[in-house]
Protein backbone atom coordinates (compact mmCIF):
# COMPACT_ATOMS: atom_id res chain seq x y z
CA MET A 1 25.94 -96.90 -48.07
CA HIS A 2 28.47 -94.53 -46.56
CA LEU A 3 27.01 -92.13 -43.95
CA LYS A 4 28.73 -88.91 -42.99
CA LEU A 5 27.09 -86.74 -40.30
CA LEU A 6 28.48 -83.22 -40.34
CA LEU A 7 28.27 -80.49 -37.70
CA PRO A 8 29.28 -76.83 -38.22
CA TYR A 9 32.58 -77.47 -36.41
CA GLY A 10 33.47 -80.97 -37.63
CA VAL A 11 32.48 -84.52 -38.50
CA PHE A 12 30.22 -86.18 -35.91
CA ALA A 13 30.03 -89.63 -37.54
CA ASP A 14 31.68 -91.27 -40.54
CA GLN A 15 30.32 -94.79 -41.04
CA GLY A 16 30.60 -97.18 -43.97
CA GLY A 17 28.55 -100.31 -44.63
CA VAL A 18 25.24 -98.73 -43.58
CA ALA A 19 22.27 -100.90 -44.59
CA ARG A 20 19.46 -98.45 -43.75
CA ILE A 21 18.85 -94.93 -42.43
CA VAL A 22 15.68 -93.37 -40.98
CA VAL A 23 15.39 -89.60 -40.40
CA GLN A 24 12.60 -87.18 -39.46
CA THR A 25 11.26 -84.59 -41.93
CA ARG A 26 8.30 -82.20 -41.78
CA ALA A 27 6.28 -84.83 -43.66
CA GLY A 28 7.20 -87.61 -41.19
CA SER A 29 9.76 -90.41 -41.11
CA PHE A 30 11.93 -90.87 -44.18
CA GLY A 31 13.80 -94.11 -44.83
CA LEU A 32 16.79 -94.76 -47.05
CA LEU A 33 17.96 -98.09 -48.42
CA PRO A 34 21.08 -98.56 -50.59
CA GLN A 35 19.18 -98.78 -53.90
CA ARG A 36 17.07 -95.64 -53.31
CA LEU A 37 17.35 -92.91 -55.93
CA ASP A 38 19.37 -89.79 -55.17
CA CYS A 39 17.47 -87.24 -53.11
CA VAL A 40 17.58 -84.22 -50.82
CA ALA A 41 15.48 -83.78 -47.64
CA ALA A 42 15.11 -81.04 -45.03
CA LEU A 43 15.37 -82.51 -41.54
CA VAL A 44 13.59 -81.45 -38.37
CA PRO A 45 14.78 -82.07 -34.80
CA GLY A 46 14.34 -85.77 -34.08
CA ILE A 47 16.02 -89.15 -33.86
CA LEU A 48 18.23 -90.39 -36.69
CA VAL A 49 18.46 -94.19 -36.81
CA TYR A 50 20.97 -96.12 -38.86
CA GLN A 51 21.96 -99.75 -38.96
CA CYS A 52 25.06 -101.41 -40.34
CA GLU A 53 24.85 -104.95 -41.62
CA GLY A 54 24.91 -107.46 -38.76
CA GLN A 55 24.96 -104.78 -36.03
CA PRO A 56 22.30 -103.25 -33.77
CA GLU A 57 20.68 -99.91 -34.60
CA THR A 58 22.47 -96.68 -33.69
CA TYR A 59 20.44 -93.70 -32.45
CA ILE A 60 21.48 -90.05 -32.73
CA ALA A 61 19.40 -87.04 -31.69
CA VAL A 62 19.81 -84.39 -34.40
CA ASP A 63 18.73 -80.79 -34.81
CA GLU A 64 17.48 -79.16 -38.02
CA GLY A 65 19.52 -79.93 -41.08
CA VAL A 66 19.76 -81.28 -44.60
CA LEU A 67 20.21 -84.80 -45.98
CA VAL A 68 21.76 -85.34 -49.42
CA LYS A 69 22.00 -88.82 -50.96
CA THR A 70 24.12 -89.23 -54.08
CA GLY A 71 24.86 -92.79 -55.12
CA ALA A 72 26.06 -94.70 -52.08
CA GLU A 73 27.10 -91.49 -50.26
CA VAL A 74 24.70 -90.00 -47.67
CA LEU A 75 25.71 -86.63 -46.26
CA ILE A 76 23.71 -85.21 -43.36
CA SER A 77 24.49 -81.72 -42.13
CA VAL A 78 22.89 -80.62 -38.85
CA ARG A 79 23.44 -77.85 -36.31
CA ARG A 80 23.72 -80.13 -33.26
CA ALA A 81 23.82 -83.88 -32.56
CA VAL A 82 23.84 -86.11 -29.46
CA ALA A 83 24.51 -89.86 -29.60
CA GLY A 84 23.00 -92.33 -27.15
CA SER A 85 21.59 -95.81 -26.72
CA ASP A 86 18.43 -95.00 -24.72
CA LEU A 87 15.65 -93.60 -26.93
CA GLY A 88 13.83 -92.02 -23.99
CA GLN A 89 16.89 -89.98 -23.02
CA LEU A 90 17.51 -88.96 -26.63
CA ARG A 91 13.92 -87.78 -27.12
CA GLY A 92 14.30 -85.78 -23.91
CA ALA A 93 17.54 -84.29 -25.24
CA VAL A 94 15.77 -83.22 -28.44
CA ALA A 95 12.95 -81.56 -26.52
CA ARG A 96 15.18 -80.03 -23.85
CA GLU A 97 18.21 -78.86 -25.81
CA PHE A 98 17.22 -78.37 -29.44
CA LEU A 99 13.65 -77.08 -29.19
CA GLU A 100 14.30 -74.82 -26.17
CA LEU A 101 17.34 -73.29 -27.87
CA ASP A 102 15.27 -72.62 -30.98
CA ALA A 103 12.71 -70.73 -28.86
CA GLN A 104 15.50 -68.68 -27.28
CA GLU A 105 16.94 -67.90 -30.73
CA ARG A 106 13.51 -66.71 -31.94
CA GLY A 107 13.26 -64.39 -28.93
CA LEU A 108 16.75 -63.05 -29.62
CA ARG A 109 15.91 -62.44 -33.28
CA ALA A 110 12.74 -60.55 -32.29
CA SER A 111 14.78 -58.34 -29.97
CA LEU A 112 17.30 -57.65 -32.73
CA VAL A 113 14.50 -56.67 -35.13
CA LYS A 114 13.18 -54.17 -32.56
CA ILE A 115 16.64 -52.66 -32.07
CA GLU A 116 17.21 -52.40 -35.82
CA SER A 117 13.82 -50.77 -36.47
CA ASN A 118 14.44 -48.28 -33.63
CA LEU A 119 17.85 -47.44 -35.11
CA VAL A 120 16.39 -46.95 -38.60
CA SER A 121 13.63 -44.66 -37.31
CA ARG A 122 16.17 -42.56 -35.37
CA LEU A 123 18.41 -42.28 -38.42
CA ALA A 124 15.41 -41.22 -40.51
CA ALA A 125 14.53 -38.58 -37.90
CA LEU A 126 18.11 -37.25 -37.95
CA HIS A 127 18.04 -37.14 -41.75
CA ARG A 128 14.81 -35.11 -41.73
CA ALA A 129 16.22 -32.61 -39.22
């Protein structure tokens, strides 16, 4: 298989000769082998594992994203990614960086909703006057 890991600002990894890939979805771990049928999967923050023939496994911490497999091509598009060899450090990176940032983004979105609703109510009051 040919794996391409895409970030919003560029290509994080472009690897050919991949024998297997394991990613995390809302339903649990999801494995891909070369003969698997084409598919699409929504990814959650977790550890992506892939292995090329005759080489050790490679670990990448990834944020939310989408996996698309068509033929031998596997495209994975995620918001953020961090490569590493120590699984403990990568799991910590997922928890620390990806999940905390998501909580901050939710708080920011809630603040924006309050500002927008306040603006709409003021505009409605001006329109009535």
